[in-house]
């Protein structure tokens, strides 16, 4: 846990910008939407100028704001009517990484967000519970169910690797 002082507004984007984008991208599965959401989160930070106890509190606020913005985006009328174009850009990931990313992206949102917070950001179930306002045991259940779904989705994909 990082108890160092919260960063000044000018440094926040440099330090936490990638984290906010990755969190948004992991939830909305679209680069342009993730960029828009990240921008909205930092604009909200500038407009509201909340006071943070420490850097960990600042990081948690940014993640919570990102998650809330993603949920709003995913339930918006725009998303219900929108159709994605085929992505023709080359992927920066290997074929195996793309398989895993696709499997994670196919998980329901509640599982994607706990997987991201636990495995990418390194939060414990108690910390995730506080961030998402859910019981830590619910977090553990969601992680377990997500792992089961991922195991099933990836069954046979990496058999030759073992």
Protein backbone atom coordinates (compact mmCIF):
# COMPACT_ATOMS: atom_id res chain seq x y z
CA UNK A 1 0.00 0.00 0.00
CA UNK A 2 1.42 3.34 -1.08
CA UNK A 3 1.07 5.92 1.72
CA UNK A 4 3.17 8.55 -0.03
CA UNK A 5 1.50 11.94 -0.51
CA UNK A 6 -1.02 12.39 -3.31
CA UNK A 7 0.42 13.72 -6.53
CA UNK A 8 -0.17 17.28 -7.68
CA UNK A 9 -2.72 17.59 -10.46
CA UNK A 10 0.00 18.27 -13.06
CA UNK A 11 1.71 14.89 -12.43
CA UNK A 12 -1.41 12.76 -12.02
CA UNK A 13 -1.94 12.19 -15.74
CA UNK A 14 1.69 11.16 -16.27
CA UNK A 15 1.67 8.67 -13.39
CA UNK A 16 -1.87 7.26 -13.63
CA UNK A 17 -2.85 7.91 -17.26
CA UNK A 18 -1.89 4.46 -18.56
CA UNK A 19 -3.62 2.72 -15.66
CA UNK A 20 -6.88 4.60 -16.26
CA UNK A 21 -6.74 3.85 -20.00
CA UNK A 22 -6.00 0.14 -19.44
CA UNK A 23 -8.84 -0.15 -16.94
CA UNK A 24 -11.26 1.51 -19.35
CA UNK A 25 -10.05 -0.55 -22.30
CA UNK A 26 -10.41 -3.76 -20.33
CA UNK A 27 -14.03 -2.95 -19.65
CA UNK A 28 -15.28 -1.34 -22.87
CA UNK A 29 -13.07 -3.33 -25.29
CA UNK A 30 -12.66 -0.40 -27.68
CA UNK A 31 -9.61 1.87 -27.90
CA UNK A 32 -11.42 5.06 -28.90
CA UNK A 33 -14.08 4.65 -26.22
CA UNK A 34 -11.39 3.89 -23.62
CA UNK A 35 -9.49 7.05 -24.62
CA UNK A 36 -12.70 9.10 -24.31
CA UNK A 37 -13.48 7.61 -20.91
CA UNK A 38 -9.94 8.24 -19.64
CA UNK A 39 -10.19 11.84 -20.81
CA UNK A 40 -13.55 12.25 -19.05
CA UNK A 41 -12.13 10.82 -15.81
CA UNK A 42 -9.25 13.31 -15.81
CA UNK A 43 -11.58 16.19 -16.73
CA UNK A 44 -13.76 15.24 -13.74
CA UNK A 45 -10.64 15.23 -11.56
CA UNK A 46 -9.76 18.75 -12.73
CA UNK A 47 -13.32 20.06 -12.27
CA UNK A 48 -13.99 18.50 -8.84
CA UNK A 49 -10.43 18.75 -7.44
CA UNK A 50 -11.00 16.21 -4.65
CA UNK A 51 -8.58 16.09 -1.72
CA UNK A 52 -6.76 12.77 -1.32
CA UNK A 53 -5.26 11.35 1.85
CA UNK A 54 -2.39 9.70 -0.02
CA UNK A 55 -1.36 8.32 -3.41
CA UNK A 56 -3.23 5.02 -2.84
CA UNK A 57 -6.45 6.96 -2.16
CA UNK A 58 -5.84 8.98 -5.34
CA UNK A 59 -5.32 5.78 -7.38
CA UNK A 60 -8.47 4.20 -5.91
CA UNK A 61 -10.52 7.32 -6.73
CA UNK A 62 -9.30 7.25 -10.34
CA UNK A 63 -10.12 3.54 -10.70
CA UNK A 64 -13.56 3.98 -9.12
CA UNK A 65 -14.30 6.94 -11.42
CA UNK A 66 -13.13 4.89 -14.43
CA UNK A 67 -15.29 1.91 -13.49
CA UNK A 68 -18.35 4.14 -12.98
CA UNK A 69 -17.79 5.91 -16.29
CA UNK A 70 -17.41 2.55 -18.09
CA UNK A 71 -20.64 1.24 -16.59
CA UNK A 72 -22.47 4.38 -17.68
CA UNK A 73 -21.00 4.08 -21.16
CA UNK A 74 -21.90 0.40 -21.53
CA UNK A 75 -25.53 0.98 -20.51
CA UNK A 76 -26.01 4.12 -22.61
CA UNK A 77 -28.52 4.31 -25.45
CA UNK A 78 -25.60 4.97 -27.81
CA UNK A 79 -24.07 1.58 -27.02
CA UNK A 80 -27.38 -0.25 -27.47
CA UNK A 81 -27.73 1.14 -31.01
CA UNK A 82 -24.09 1.13 -32.11
CA UNK A 83 -22.44 -1.43 -34.38
CA UNK A 84 -18.67 -1.84 -34.37
CA UNK A 85 -16.67 -1.84 -37.56
CA UNK A 86 -14.17 -4.64 -38.07
CA UNK A 87 -10.84 -3.73 -36.53
CA UNK A 88 -8.28 -3.76 -39.32
CA UNK A 89 -5.35 -2.46 -37.30
CA UNK A 90 -2.60 -4.97 -36.57
CA UNK A 91 -2.56 -6.18 -32.98
CA UNK A 92 0.44 -5.27 -30.79
CA UNK A 93 0.06 -8.64 -29.02
CA UNK A 94 1.17 -12.13 -29.92
CA UNK A 95 -1.39 -14.67 -31.11
CA UNK A 96 -1.41 -16.35 -27.69
CA UNK A 97 -1.86 -13.04 -25.88
CA UNK A 98 -4.75 -12.19 -28.20
CA UNK A 99 -6.43 -15.51 -27.37
CA UNK A 100 -6.20 -14.77 -23.64
CA UNK A 101 -7.30 -11.14 -24.08
CA UNK A 102 -10.29 -12.25 -26.15
CA UNK A 103 -11.25 -14.79 -23.48
CA UNK A 104 -11.03 -12.13 -20.75
CA UNK A 105 -12.96 -9.65 -22.91
CA UNK A 106 -15.74 -12.22 -23.35
CA UNK A 107 -16.28 -12.41 -19.58
CA UNK A 108 -19.26 -10.54 -18.11
CA UNK A 109 -18.33 -7.03 -16.88
CA UNK A 110 -18.47 -7.96 -13.19
CA UNK A 111 -15.85 -10.66 -13.79
CA UNK A 112 -13.70 -8.55 -16.13
CA UNK A 113 -13.40 -5.75 -13.59
CA UNK A 114 -12.34 -8.01 -10.70
CA UNK A 115 -9.88 -9.88 -12.95
CA UNK A 116 -8.37 -6.57 -14.06
CA UNK A 117 -8.14 -5.13 -10.55
CA UNK A 118 -6.67 -8.32 -9.08
CA UNK A 119 -4.31 -9.58 -11.76
CA UNK A 120 -3.28 -6.34 -13.48
CA UNK A 121 -3.45 -3.75 -10.70
CA UNK A 122 -2.57 -6.17 -7.89
CA UNK A 123 -5.40 -5.32 -5.49
CA UNK A 124 -6.49 -7.80 -2.82
CA UNK A 125 -10.08 -8.98 -2.52
CA UNK A 126 -10.62 -6.64 0.44
CA UNK A 127 -9.33 -3.64 -1.53
CA UNK A 128 -11.42 -4.59 -4.58
CA UNK A 129 -14.45 -4.95 -2.34
CA UNK A 130 -13.95 -1.41 -1.07
CA UNK A 131 -13.44 -0.06 -4.59
CA UNK A 132 -16.55 -1.75 -5.98
CA UNK A 133 -18.66 -1.49 -2.81
CA UNK A 134 -19.12 -5.25 -2.59
CA UNK A 135 -18.27 -7.89 -0.01
CA UNK A 136 -14.69 -9.27 -0.26
CA UNK A 137 -16.15 -12.80 -0.32
CA UNK A 138 -18.19 -11.79 -3.37
CA UNK A 139 -14.94 -10.66 -5.00
CA UNK A 140 -13.37 -14.06 -4.26
CA UNK A 141 -16.42 -15.81 -5.72
CA UNK A 142 -16.31 -13.67 -8.85
CA UNK A 143 -12.60 -14.34 -9.29
CA UNK A 144 -13.19 -18.06 -8.91
CA UNK A 145 -16.04 -18.04 -11.43
CA UNK A 146 -13.98 -15.93 -13.84
CA UNK A 147 -11.06 -18.39 -13.61
CA UNK A 148 -13.45 -21.30 -14.24
CA UNK A 149 -14.90 -19.55 -17.30
CA UNK A 150 -11.42 -18.67 -18.59
CA UNK A 151 -10.21 -22.23 -18.07
CA UNK A 152 -13.16 -23.53 -20.07
CA UNK A 153 -12.74 -20.90 -22.80
CA UNK A 154 -9.01 -21.59 -23.12
CA UNK A 155 -9.26 -25.38 -22.86
CA UNK A 156 -7.04 -26.91 -25.51
CA UNK A 157 -5.59 -23.56 -26.64
CA UNK A 158 -2.27 -24.10 -24.86
CA UNK A 159 -2.16 -27.90 -24.64
CA UNK A 160 1.03 -28.03 -26.71
CA UNK A 161 2.70 -25.56 -24.30
CA UNK A 162 2.43 -27.83 -21.26
